[in-house]
C-alpha atoms as a PDB file:
ATOM      1  CA  MET A   1      -3.749 -78.266 -41.494  1.00  0.00           C
ATOM      2  CA  ARG A   2      -2.330 -79.298 -38.251  1.00  0.00           C
ATOM      3  CA  LYS A   3       0.713 -77.111 -38.551  1.00  0.00           C
ATOM      4  CA  SER A   4      -1.378 -74.232 -39.455  1.00  0.00           C
ATOM      5  CA  ALA A   5      -3.455 -74.647 -36.391  1.00  0.00           C
ATOM      6  CA  ILE A   6      -0.271 -74.487 -34.261  1.00  0.00           C
ATOM      7  CA  LEU A   7       1.262 -71.583 -36.127  1.00  0.00           C
ATOM      8  CA  LEU A   8      -1.637 -69.100 -35.938  1.00  0.00           C
ATOM      9  CA  PRO A   9      -1.985 -69.000 -32.337  1.00  0.00           C
ATOM     10  CA  ALA A  10       1.789 -68.701 -32.016  1.00  0.00           C
ATOM     11  CA  LEU A  11       1.702 -65.856 -34.479  1.00  0.00           C
ATOM     12  CA  ILE A  12      -0.950 -64.168 -32.442  1.00  0.00           C
ATOM     13  CA  VAL A  13       0.916 -64.578 -29.171  1.00  0.00           C
ATOM     14  CA  ALA A  14       4.121 -63.254 -30.688  1.00  0.00           C
ATOM     15  CA  VAL A  15       2.064 -60.107 -32.002  1.00  0.00           C
ATOM     16  CA  VAL A  16       0.494 -59.428 -28.743  1.00  0.00           C
ATOM     17  CA  VAL A  17       4.091 -59.799 -27.079  1.00  0.00           C
ATOM     18  CA  VAL A  18       5.474 -57.501 -29.442  1.00  0.00           C
ATOM     19  CA  MET A  19       2.899 -54.979 -29.107  1.00  0.00           C
ATOM     20  CA  SER A  20       3.082 -55.236 -25.338  1.00  0.00           C
ATOM     21  CA  SER A  21       6.593 -54.347 -25.352  1.00  0.00           C
ATOM     22  CA  LEU A  22       6.291 -51.322 -27.475  1.00  0.00           C
ATOM     23  CA  PHE A  23       5.201 -47.701 -26.285  1.00  0.00           C
ATOM     24  CA  VAL A  24       5.303 -44.270 -27.586  1.00  0.00           C
ATOM     25  CA  VAL A  25       6.843 -41.437 -25.808  1.00  0.00           C
ATOM     26  CA  ASP A  26       5.053 -38.043 -26.722  1.00  0.00           C
ATOM     27  CA  GLU A  27       7.207 -34.934 -27.171  1.00  0.00           C
ATOM     28  CA  ARG A  28       5.265 -33.408 -24.257  1.00  0.00           C
ATOM     29  CA  GLU A  29       6.136 -36.250 -21.910  1.00  0.00           C
ATOM     30  CA  LYS A  30       8.846 -37.904 -20.068  1.00  0.00           C
ATOM     31  CA  ALA A  31       8.398 -41.831 -19.308  1.00  0.00           C
ATOM     32  CA  LEU A  32      10.091 -44.171 -16.753  1.00  0.00           C
ATOM     33  CA  VAL A  33      10.307 -47.834 -17.355  1.00  0.00           C
ATOM     34  CA  MET A  34       9.497 -49.473 -13.897  1.00  0.00           C
ATOM     35  CA  GLN A  35      10.204 -52.900 -12.942  1.00  0.00           C
ATOM     36  CA  PHE A  36       8.974 -54.234  -9.588  1.00  0.00           C
ATOM     37  CA  GLY A  37       8.913 -50.614  -8.232  1.00  0.00           C
ATOM     38  CA  GLN A  38      12.454 -50.033  -9.526  1.00  0.00           C
ATOM     39  CA  ILE A  39      13.448 -47.456 -12.298  1.00  0.00           C
ATOM     40  CA  LYS A  40      15.119 -49.326 -15.010  1.00  0.00           C
ATOM     41  CA  ALA A  41      15.041 -46.837 -17.882  1.00  0.00           C
ATOM     42  CA  VAL A  42      14.506 -43.245 -18.522  1.00  0.00           C
ATOM     43  CA  LYS A  43      12.871 -42.009 -21.994  1.00  0.00           C
ATOM     44  CA  GLU A  44      13.091 -38.406 -22.309  1.00  0.00           C
ATOM     45  CA  GLN A  45      13.290 -38.330 -26.051  1.00  0.00           C
ATOM     46  CA  PRO A  46       9.946 -38.743 -28.027  1.00  0.00           C
ATOM     47  CA  GLY A  47       9.626 -41.599 -30.106  1.00  0.00           C
ATOM     48  CA  LEU A  48       9.078 -45.360 -29.883  1.00  0.00           C
ATOM     49  CA  ALA A  49      10.673 -47.402 -27.028  1.00  0.00           C
ATOM     50  CA  PHE A  50      10.657 -51.048 -25.787  1.00  0.00           C
ATOM     51  CA  LYS A  51       9.839 -52.681 -22.317  1.00  0.00           C
ATOM     52  CA  ILE A  52       9.741 -56.095 -21.056  1.00  0.00           C
ATOM     53  CA  PRO A  53       6.049 -57.219 -21.413  1.00  0.00           C
ATOM     54  CA  LEU A  54       4.184 -58.153 -18.256  1.00  0.00           C
ATOM     55  CA  ILE A  55       7.156 -57.483 -16.054  1.00  0.00           C
ATOM     56  CA  GLN A  56       7.983 -53.865 -16.639  1.00  0.00           C
ATOM     57  CA  GLU A  57       5.506 -50.942 -16.819  1.00  0.00           C
ATOM     58  CA  VAL A  58       5.592 -47.324 -18.122  1.00  0.00           C
ATOM     59  CA  VAL A  59       4.923 -44.370 -16.125  1.00  0.00           C
ATOM     60  CA  LYS A  60       4.494 -41.094 -17.973  1.00  0.00           C
ATOM     61  CA  TYR A  61       4.836 -37.457 -16.648  1.00  0.00           C
ATOM     62  CA  ASP A  62       4.104 -34.097 -18.327  1.00  0.00           C
ATOM     63  CA  ASP A  63       7.022 -32.358 -19.643  1.00  0.00           C
ATOM     64  CA  ARG A  64       5.299 -29.026 -20.106  1.00  0.00           C
ATOM     65  CA  ILE A  65       5.106 -26.107 -17.821  1.00  0.00           C
ATOM     66  CA  LEU A  66       2.583 -26.470 -15.367  1.00  0.00           C
ATOM     67  CA  SER A  67       0.673 -23.990 -13.182  1.00  0.00           C
ATOM     68  CA  LEU A  68      -0.229 -24.162  -9.322  1.00  0.00           C
ATOM     69  CA  ASP A  69      -2.398 -21.808  -7.373  1.00  0.00           C
ATOM     70  CA  THR A  70      -1.729 -21.435  -3.703  1.00  0.00           C
ATOM     71  CA  ASP A  71      -4.064 -21.009  -0.864  1.00  0.00           C
ATOM     72  CA  VAL A  72      -4.881 -17.607   0.506  1.00  0.00           C
ATOM     73  CA  ILE A  73      -2.651 -16.852   3.616  1.00  0.00           C
ATOM     74  CA  GLU A  74      -2.012 -14.182   5.910  1.00  0.00           C
ATOM     75  CA  VAL A  75       1.342 -12.626   6.314  1.00  0.00           C
ATOM     76  CA  THR A  76       2.569  -9.917   8.814  1.00  0.00           C
ATOM     77  CA  PRO A  77       5.215  -7.584   7.480  1.00  0.00           C
ATOM     78  CA  SER A  78       7.703  -5.707   9.466  1.00  0.00           C
ATOM     79  CA  ASP A  79       5.173  -2.889  10.172  1.00  0.00           C
ATOM     80  CA  ASP A  80       2.698  -5.346  11.753  1.00  0.00           C
ATOM     81  CA  ARG A  81      -0.020  -4.638   9.199  1.00  0.00           C
ATOM     82  CA  ARG A  82      -1.467  -8.049   8.391  1.00  0.00           C
ATOM     83  CA  LEU A  83      -2.122  -8.833   4.581  1.00  0.00           C
ATOM     84  CA  VAL A  84      -3.942 -11.485   2.872  1.00  0.00           C
ATOM     85  CA  VAL A  85      -1.865 -12.908   0.046  1.00  0.00           C
ATOM     86  CA  ASP A  86      -2.248 -15.590  -2.620  1.00  0.00           C
ATOM     87  CA  ALA A  87       0.120 -16.457  -5.402  1.00  0.00           C
ATOM     88  CA  PHE A  88       0.424 -18.837  -8.366  1.00  0.00           C
ATOM     89  CA  THR A  89       3.633 -20.384  -9.669  1.00  0.00           C
ATOM     90  CA  ARG A  90       4.741 -21.830 -12.977  1.00  0.00           C
ATOM     91  CA  TYR A  91       6.888 -25.142 -12.696  1.00  0.00           C
ATOM     92  CA  ARG A  92       8.148 -28.190 -14.567  1.00  0.00           C
ATOM     93  CA  ILE A  93       9.573 -31.556 -13.849  1.00  0.00           C
ATOM     94  CA  ALA A  94      13.332 -31.170 -14.393  1.00  0.00           C
ATOM     95  CA  ASP A  95      14.516 -34.417 -13.155  1.00  0.00           C
ATOM     96  CA  VAL A  96      11.872 -37.110 -13.641  1.00  0.00           C
ATOM     97  CA  VAL A  97      14.038 -39.827 -11.610  1.00  0.00           C
ATOM     98  CA  GLN A  98      14.346 -37.523  -8.454  1.00  0.00           C
ATOM     99  CA  PHE A  99      10.522 -36.619  -9.015  1.00  0.00           C
ATOM    100  CA  ARG A 100       9.533 -40.311  -8.687  1.00  0.00           C
ATOM    101  CA  GLN A 101      11.836 -40.916  -5.942  1.00  0.00           C
ATOM    102  CA  ALA A 102      10.531 -38.023  -3.996  1.00  0.00           C
ATOM    103  CA  VAL A 103       6.753 -38.223  -4.489  1.00  0.00           C
ATOM    104  CA  GLY A 104       6.626 -42.106  -5.222  1.00  0.00           C
ATOM    105  CA  VAL A 105       3.193 -43.079  -6.686  1.00  0.00           C
ATOM    106  CA  GLY A 106       1.564 -39.951  -5.624  1.00  0.00           C
ATOM    107  CA  GLY A 107       2.542 -38.163  -8.767  1.00  0.00           C
ATOM    108  CA  ILE A 108       1.722 -34.455  -9.543  1.00  0.00           C
ATOM    109  CA  ARG A 109      -0.939 -34.222  -6.793  1.00  0.00           C
ATOM    110  CA  ALA A 110       1.468 -35.123  -4.049  1.00  0.00           C
ATOM    111  CA  ALA A 111       4.203 -32.910  -5.704  1.00  0.00           C
ATOM    112  CA  GLU A 112       1.941 -29.900  -5.843  1.00  0.00           C
ATOM    113  CA  ASP A 113       0.854 -30.424  -2.226  1.00  0.00           C
ATOM    114  CA  ARG A 114       4.560 -30.235  -1.212  1.00  0.00           C
ATOM    115  CA  LEU A 115       5.390 -27.379  -3.513  1.00  0.00           C
ATOM    116  CA  ALA A 116       2.469 -25.335  -2.187  1.00  0.00           C
ATOM    117  CA  SER A 117       3.755 -25.810   1.381  1.00  0.00           C
ATOM    118  CA  ILE A 118       7.253 -24.578   0.090  1.00  0.00           C
ATOM    119  CA  LEU A 119       5.843 -21.608  -1.714  1.00  0.00           C
ATOM    120  CA  ASN A 120       3.701 -20.614   1.361  1.00  0.00           C
ATOM    121  CA  ALA A 121       6.682 -20.898   3.845  1.00  0.00           C
ATOM    122  CA  GLN A 122       8.717 -18.727   1.266  1.00  0.00           C
ATOM    123  CA  ILE A 123       6.134 -16.138   1.064  1.00  0.00           C
ATOM    124  CA  ARG A 124       5.837 -15.843   4.725  1.00  0.00           C
ATOM    125  CA  GLU A 125       9.560 -15.788   5.037  1.00  0.00           C
ATOM    126  CA  VAL A 126      10.225 -13.089   2.310  1.00  0.00           C
ATOM    127  CA  LEU A 127       7.233 -10.813   2.963  1.00  0.00           C
ATOM    128  CA  GLY A 128       7.711 -10.991   6.873  1.00  0.00           C
ATOM    129  CA  ALA A 129      11.415 -10.201   6.723  1.00  0.00           C
ATOM    130  CA  ASP A 130      13.042  -7.203   8.226  1.00  0.00           C
ATOM    131  CA  GLN A 131      12.809  -3.895   6.277  1.00  0.00           C
ATOM    132  CA  VAL A 132       9.753  -5.315   4.268  1.00  0.00           C
ATOM    133  CA  THR A 133       6.598  -3.305   5.122  1.00  0.00           C
ATOM    134  CA  SER A 134       3.163  -3.333   3.482  1.00  0.00           C
ATOM    135  CA  ASP A 135       3.971  -0.221   1.689  1.00  0.00           C
ATOM    136  CA  THR A 136       6.995  -2.033   0.059  1.00  0.00           C
ATOM    137  CA  ILE A 137       4.865  -5.026  -0.808  1.00  0.00           C
ATOM    138  CA  LEU A 138       2.435  -2.707  -2.570  1.00  0.00           C
ATOM    139  CA  SER A 139       5.060  -0.677  -4.227  1.00  0.00           C
ATOM    140  CA  GLU A 140       7.236  -1.218  -7.313  1.00  0.00           C
ATOM    141  CA  GLU A 141       9.460  -3.354  -5.255  1.00  0.00           C
ATOM    142  CA  ARG A 142       6.788  -6.126  -5.362  1.00  0.00           C
ATOM    143  CA  GLY A 143       8.648  -7.456  -8.339  1.00  0.00           C
ATOM    144  CA  ALA A 144      11.974  -7.952  -6.427  1.00  0.00           C
ATOM    145  CA  LEU A 145      10.243  -9.551  -3.712  1.00  0.00           C
ATOM    146  CA  MET A 146       8.582 -12.144  -6.096  1.00  0.00           C
ATOM    147  CA  LEU A 147      12.026 -12.922  -7.434  1.00  0.00           C
ATOM    148  CA  ARG A 148      13.175 -13.592  -4.042  1.00  0.00           C
ATOM    149  CA  ILE A 149      10.263 -16.077  -3.326  1.00  0.00           C
ATOM    150  CA  ARG A 150      10.938 -17.747  -6.496  1.00  0.00           C
ATOM    151  CA  ASP A 151      14.615 -18.341  -6.028  1.00  0.00           C
ATOM    152  CA  ASN A 152      14.167 -19.501  -2.514  1.00  0.00           C
ATOM    153  CA  ALA A 153      11.220 -21.922  -3.563  1.00  0.00           C
ATOM    154  CA  ARG A 154      13.339 -22.988  -6.654  1.00  0.00           C
ATOM    155  CA  ALA A 155      16.225 -24.034  -4.216  1.00  0.00           C
ATOM    156  CA  SER A 156      13.842 -25.937  -1.979  1.00  0.00           C
ATOM    157  CA  ALA A 157      11.883 -27.614  -4.818  1.00  0.00           C
ATOM    158  CA  ARG A 158      14.999 -28.985  -6.377  1.00  0.00           C
ATOM    159  CA  SER A 159      14.816 -31.937  -3.907  1.00  0.00           C
ATOM    160  CA  LEU A 160      11.413 -32.877  -5.564  1.00  0.00           C
ATOM    161  CA  GLY A 161      12.847 -32.843  -8.979  1.00  0.00           C
ATOM    162  CA  LEU A 162      11.101 -29.656  -9.887  1.00  0.00           C
ATOM    163  CA  ASP A 163      12.256 -26.384 -11.299  1.00  0.00           C
ATOM    164  CA  VAL A 164      10.275 -23.349 -10.182  1.00  0.00           C
ATOM    165  CA  VAL A 165      10.142 -21.126 -13.469  1.00  0.00           C
ATOM    166  CA  ASP A 166       8.018 -18.020 -12.017  1.00  0.00           C
ATOM    167  CA  VAL A 167       6.219 -16.980  -8.769  1.00  0.00           C
ATOM    168  CA  ARG A 168       3.474 -14.079  -8.998  1.00  0.00           C
ATOM    169  CA  LEU A 169       1.491 -12.523  -6.230  1.00  0.00           C
ATOM    170  CA  LYS A 170      -2.194 -12.259  -7.391  1.00  0.00           C
ATOM    171  CA  GLN A 171      -3.869 -10.434  -4.493  1.00  0.00           C
ATOM    172  CA  THR A 172      -2.512  -8.579  -1.612  1.00  0.00           C
ATOM    173  CA  ASN A 173      -5.341  -7.354   0.498  1.00  0.00           C
ATOM    174  CA  LEU A 174      -6.014  -6.345   4.289  1.00  0.00           C
ATOM    175  CA  PRO A 175      -8.020  -8.857   6.262  1.00  0.00           C
ATOM    176  CA  THR A 176     -11.712  -8.512   6.450  1.00  0.00           C
ATOM    177  CA  GLN A 177     -11.783  -7.409  10.043  1.00  0.00           C
ATOM    178  CA  ASN A 178      -9.132  -4.757   9.449  1.00  0.00           C
ATOM    179  CA  LEU A 179     -10.813  -3.146   6.433  1.00  0.00           C
ATOM    180  CA  GLU A 180     -13.353  -0.968   8.089  1.00  0.00           C
ATOM    181  CA  ALA A 181     -10.655   0.381  10.737  1.00  0.00           C
ATOM    182  CA  THR A 182      -8.357   1.147   7.621  1.00  0.00           C
ATOM    183  CA  PHE A 183     -11.019   2.783   5.745  1.00  0.00           C
ATOM    184  CA  ALA A 184     -11.977   5.002   8.847  1.00  0.00           C
ATOM    185  CA  ARG A 185      -8.337   5.903   9.311  1.00  0.00           C
ATOM    186  CA  MET A 186      -8.182   6.761   5.626  1.00  0.00           C
ATOM    187  CA  ARG A 187     -11.371   8.832   5.930  1.00  0.00           C
ATOM    188  CA  ALA A 188      -9.884  10.638   8.913  1.00  0.00           C
ATOM    189  CA  GLU A 189      -6.848  11.385   7.125  1.00  0.00           C
ATOM    190  CA  ARG A 190      -8.762  12.760   4.164  1.00  0.00           C
ATOM    191  CA  GLU A 191     -10.828  14.920   6.397  1.00  0.00           C
ATOM    192  CA  ARG A 192      -7.741  16.354   8.078  1.00  0.00           C
ATOM    193  CA  GLU A 193      -6.115  17.153   4.786  1.00  0.00           C
ATOM    194  CA  ALA A 194      -9.580  18.679   3.654  1.00  0.00           C
ATOM    195  CA  ALA A 195      -9.680  20.803   6.919  1.00  0.00           C
ATOM    196  CA  ASP A 196      -6.015  21.899   6.356  1.00  0.00           C
ATOM    197  CA  GLU A 197      -6.870  22.980   2.728  1.00  0.00           C
ATOM    198  CA  ILE A 198      -9.891  24.813   4.038  1.00  0.00           C
ATOM    199  CA  ALA A 199      -7.944  26.657   6.550  1.00  0.00           C
ATOM    200  CA  ARG A 200      -5.278  27.720   4.108  1.00  0.00           C
ATOM    201  CA  GLY A 201      -7.963  28.835   1.569  1.00  0.00           C
ATOM    202  CA  ASN A 202      -9.576  31.016   4.417  1.00  0.00           C
ATOM    203  CA  GLU A 203      -6.307  32.566   5.310  1.00  0.00           C
ATOM    204  CA  ALA A 204      -5.658  33.196   1.514  1.00  0.00           C
ATOM    205  CA  ALA A 205      -9.263  34.921   1.171  1.00  0.00           C
ATOM    206  CA  GLN A 206      -8.521  37.083   4.475  1.00  0.00           C
ATOM    207  CA  ARG A 207      -5.290  38.177   2.858  1.00  0.00           C
ATOM    208  CA  VAL A 208      -6.956  39.131  -0.408  1.00  0.00           C
ATOM    209  CA  ARG A 209      -9.905  40.838   1.247  1.00  0.00           C
ATOM    210  CA  ALA A 210      -7.509  42.814   3.483  1.00  0.00           C
ATOM    211  CA  GLN A 211      -5.315  43.829   0.466  1.00  0.00           C
ATOM    212  CA  ALA A 212      -8.557  44.848  -1.305  1.00  0.00           C
ATOM    213  CA  ASP A 213      -9.760  46.805   1.763  1.00  0.00           C
ATOM    214  CA  ARG A 214      -6.393  48.450   1.837  1.00  0.00           C
ATOM    215  CA  THR A 215      -6.404  49.283  -1.710  1.00  0.00           C
ATOM    216  CA  VAL A 216      -9.963  50.832  -1.503  1.00  0.00           C
ATOM    217  CA  VAL A 217      -8.948  52.867   1.527  1.00  0.00           C
ATOM    218  CA  GLU A 218      -5.653  54.234  -0.319  1.00  0.00           C
ATOM    219  CA  THR A 219      -7.706  54.863  -3.611  1.00  0.00           C
ATOM    220  CA  LEU A 220     -10.480  56.784  -1.738  1.00  0.00           C
ATOM    221  CA  SER A 221      -8.000  58.827   0.292  1.00  0.00           C
ATOM    222  CA  GLU A 222      -5.902  59.653  -2.895  1.00  0.00           C
ATOM    223  CA  ALA A 223      -9.210  60.586  -4.668  1.00  0.00           C
ATOM    224  CA  GLU A 224     -10.300  62.821  -1.613  1.00  0.00           C
ATOM    225  CA  ARG A 225      -6.817  64.465  -1.501  1.00  0.00           C
ATOM    226  CA  GLU A 226      -7.030  65.188  -5.148  1.00  0.00           C
ATOM    227  CA  ALA A 227     -10.781  66.656  -4.907  1.00  0.00           C
ATOM    228  CA  GLN A 228      -9.539  68.943  -2.022  1.00  0.00           C
ATOM    229  CA  THR A 229      -6.906  70.087  -4.107  1.00  0.00           C
ATOM    230  CA  VAL A 230      -9.162  70.790  -7.126  1.00  0.00           C
ATOM    231  CA  ARG A 231     -11.863  72.389  -4.885  1.00  0.00           C
ATOM    232  CA  GLY A 232      -9.123  74.526  -3.219  1.00  0.00           C
ATOM    233  CA  GLU A 233      -7.759  75.546  -6.719  1.00  0.00           C
ATOM    234  CA  ALA A 234     -11.336  76.240  -7.847  1.00  0.00           C
ATOM    235  CA  ASP A 235     -12.177  78.289  -4.721  1.00  0.00           C
ATOM    236  CA  ALA A 236      -9.108  80.141  -5.187  1.00  0.00           C
ATOM    237  CA  GLU A 237      -9.890  80.841  -8.931  1.00  0.00           C
ATOM    238  CA  ARG A 238     -13.592  81.875  -7.951  1.00  0.00           C
ATOM    239  CA  ASN A 239     -12.309  84.409  -5.318  1.00  0.00           C
ATOM    240  CA  ARG A 240      -9.710  85.811  -7.728  1.00  0.00           C
ATOM    241  CA  VAL A 241     -12.453  86.184 -10.272  1.00  0.00           C
ATOM    242  CA  TYR A 242     -14.733  87.798  -7.485  1.00  0.00           C
ATOM    243  CA  ALA A 243     -11.934  90.123  -6.393  1.00  0.00           C
ATOM    244  CA  GLU A 244     -11.216  91.032  -9.949  1.00  0.00           C
ATOM    245  CA  ALA A 245     -14.962  91.963 -10.681  1.00  0.00           C
ATOM    246  CA  PHE A 246     -15.208  93.835  -7.388  1.00  0.00           C
ATOM    247  CA  GLY A 247     -12.088  95.813  -8.118  1.00  0.00           C
ATOM    248  CA  ALA A 248     -13.287  96.664 -11.657  1.00  0.00           C
ATOM    249  CA  ASP A 249     -16.880  97.804 -10.644  1.00  0.00           C
ATOM    250  CA  PRO A 250     -17.633  97.632  -6.918  1.00  0.00           C
ATOM    251  CA  GLU A 251     -21.312  99.009  -7.572  1.00  0.00           C
ATOM    252  CA  PHE A 252     -22.115  96.485 -10.249  1.00  0.00           C
ATOM    253  CA  PHE A 253     -20.827  93.670  -8.098  1.00  0.00           C
ATOM    254  CA  ALA A 254     -22.924  94.590  -5.337  1.00  0.00           C
ATOM    255  CA  PHE A 255     -26.012  94.634  -7.566  1.00  0.00           C
ATOM    256  CA  TYR A 256     -24.913  91.253  -8.942  1.00  0.00           C
ATOM    257  CA  ARG A 257     -24.720  89.839  -5.470  1.00  0.00           C
ATOM    258  CA  SER A 258     -28.085  91.158  -4.588  1.00  0.00           C
ATOM    259  CA  LEU A 259     -29.843  89.460  -7.489  1.00  0.00           C
ATOM    260  CA  GLN A 260     -28.158  86.104  -6.564  1.00  0.00           C
ATOM    261  CA  ALA A 261     -29.480  86.529  -3.018  1.00  0.00           C
ATOM    262  CA  TYR A 262     -32.830  87.510  -4.375  1.00  0.00           C
ATOM    263  CA  GLU A 263     -32.919  84.124  -6.631  1.00  0.00           C
ATOM    264  CA  THR A 264     -31.825  82.197  -3.521  1.00  0.00           C
ATOM    265  CA  ALA A 265     -34.303  83.642  -1.027  1.00  0.00           C
ATOM    266  CA  LEU A 266     -37.389  83.802  -3.331  1.00  0.00           C
ATOM    267  CA  ARG A 267     -37.045  80.187  -4.791  1.00  0.00           C
ATOM    268  CA  GLY A 268     -40.453  78.434  -5.225  1.00  0.00           C
ATOM    269  CA  ASP A 269     -44.290  79.484  -5.668  1.00  0.00           C
ATOM    270  CA  ASN A 270     -45.057  80.242  -2.026  1.00  0.00           C
ATOM    271  CA  SER A 271     -41.893  82.095  -0.837  1.00  0.00           C
ATOM    272  CA  ALA A 272     -42.508  84.342   2.104  1.00  0.00           C
ATOM    273  CA  MET A 273     -40.194  86.785   4.037  1.00  0.00           C
ATOM    274  CA  VAL A 274     -40.915  89.065   7.015  1.00  0.00           C
ATOM    275  CA  LEU A 275     -38.623  92.045   6.887  1.00  0.00           C
ATOM    276  CA  THR A 276     -38.879  95.584   8.083  1.00  0.00           C
ATOM    277  CA  PRO A 277     -39.789  98.313   5.727  1.00  0.00           C
ATOM    278  CA  ASP A 278     -36.298 100.018   5.948  1.00  0.00           C
ATOM    279  CA  SER A 279     -34.336  96.642   5.405  1.00  0.00           C
ATOM    280  CA  GLN A 280     -31.379  96.973   2.923  1.00  0.00           C
ATOM    281  CA  PHE A 281     -32.299  93.754   1.338  1.00  0.00           C
ATOM    282  CA  PHE A 282     -34.690  95.300  -1.199  1.00  0.00           C
ATOM    283  CA  ASP A 283     -32.603  98.223  -1.778  1.00  0.00           C
ATOM    284  CA  TYR A 284     -32.374  97.718  -5.549  1.00  0.00           C
ATOM    285  CA  LEU A 285     -35.986  96.830  -5.775  1.00  0.00           C
ATOM    286  CA  ARG A 286     -37.461  99.804  -3.850  1.00  0.00           C
ATOM    287  CA  SER A 287     -35.664 102.748  -5.472  1.00  0.00           C
ATOM    288  CA  GLU A 288     -34.348 103.589  -8.890  1.00  0.00           C
ATOM    289  CA  LYS A 289     -31.300 105.112  -7.523  1.00  0.00           C
ATOM    290  CA  PRO A 290     -28.470 102.923  -6.746  1.00  0.00           C
ATOM    291  CA  ALA A 291     -27.915 101.871  -3.155  1.00  0.00           C
ATOM    292  CA  GLY A 292     -25.710 104.308  -1.092  1.00  0.00           C
ATOM    293  CA  THR A 293     -26.415 107.313  -3.358  1.00  0.00           C
ATOM    294  CA  GLU A 294     -28.014 110.676  -2.336  1.00  0.00           C
END
């Protein structure tokens, strides 16, 4: 009984010591075995590992790709057109020992603060470089600029034991105080373009109207010329017919012309004529003999 009373506590202590010396490294983590602030072992492979109980402690860091959003900053490209920019980055802890030495007990939070400063500095440097304008930032060359920011940030972040996987610009806008001036300039430009289009339209319309007026005048002139020609030919034909009729029977021709004159002069219900009794106008109505005979 006395021996059992001694062995049971000893067994419990042994179990506690063994359990305290074991720890598990997840496949998504990296672990450091620390002893009095000094790194004694690095555990990067998943599985079961050992440490000295009470003397050593285990610090674990995430081995996955992490995300960081930067604060909004203002940059000034080479055309002096200020832009408001923010970005996000994907990064991972590449060297856990260097990471611990760089950030100490601050861990991920301290590392992200320093990484955000690096990113903001590189964004200002790349977007503010010569030959980089606001139009370049907003064009297809934006991708190349983001690669430059990533490469520069990666080089600077190595001292923190970090690997910058990717950097992306989220928004690229004008500052609020510049928006109204920019919109006014855009409106003025559009109004100028509209005025130019209206002027070109009016000019084209005037050319069309002038061409139409010219076509009308030419058409009317051609029609009038043809009409004069037809009238002249008709008058010539009429005179020829009259001449032939007069030559065939002058007396009948005179009689026919007198009837036409009567019809023209006595048209209507209340026709009245004042003539002398011996007027030749009614010769064919006054005598049965033909005019001019004895």
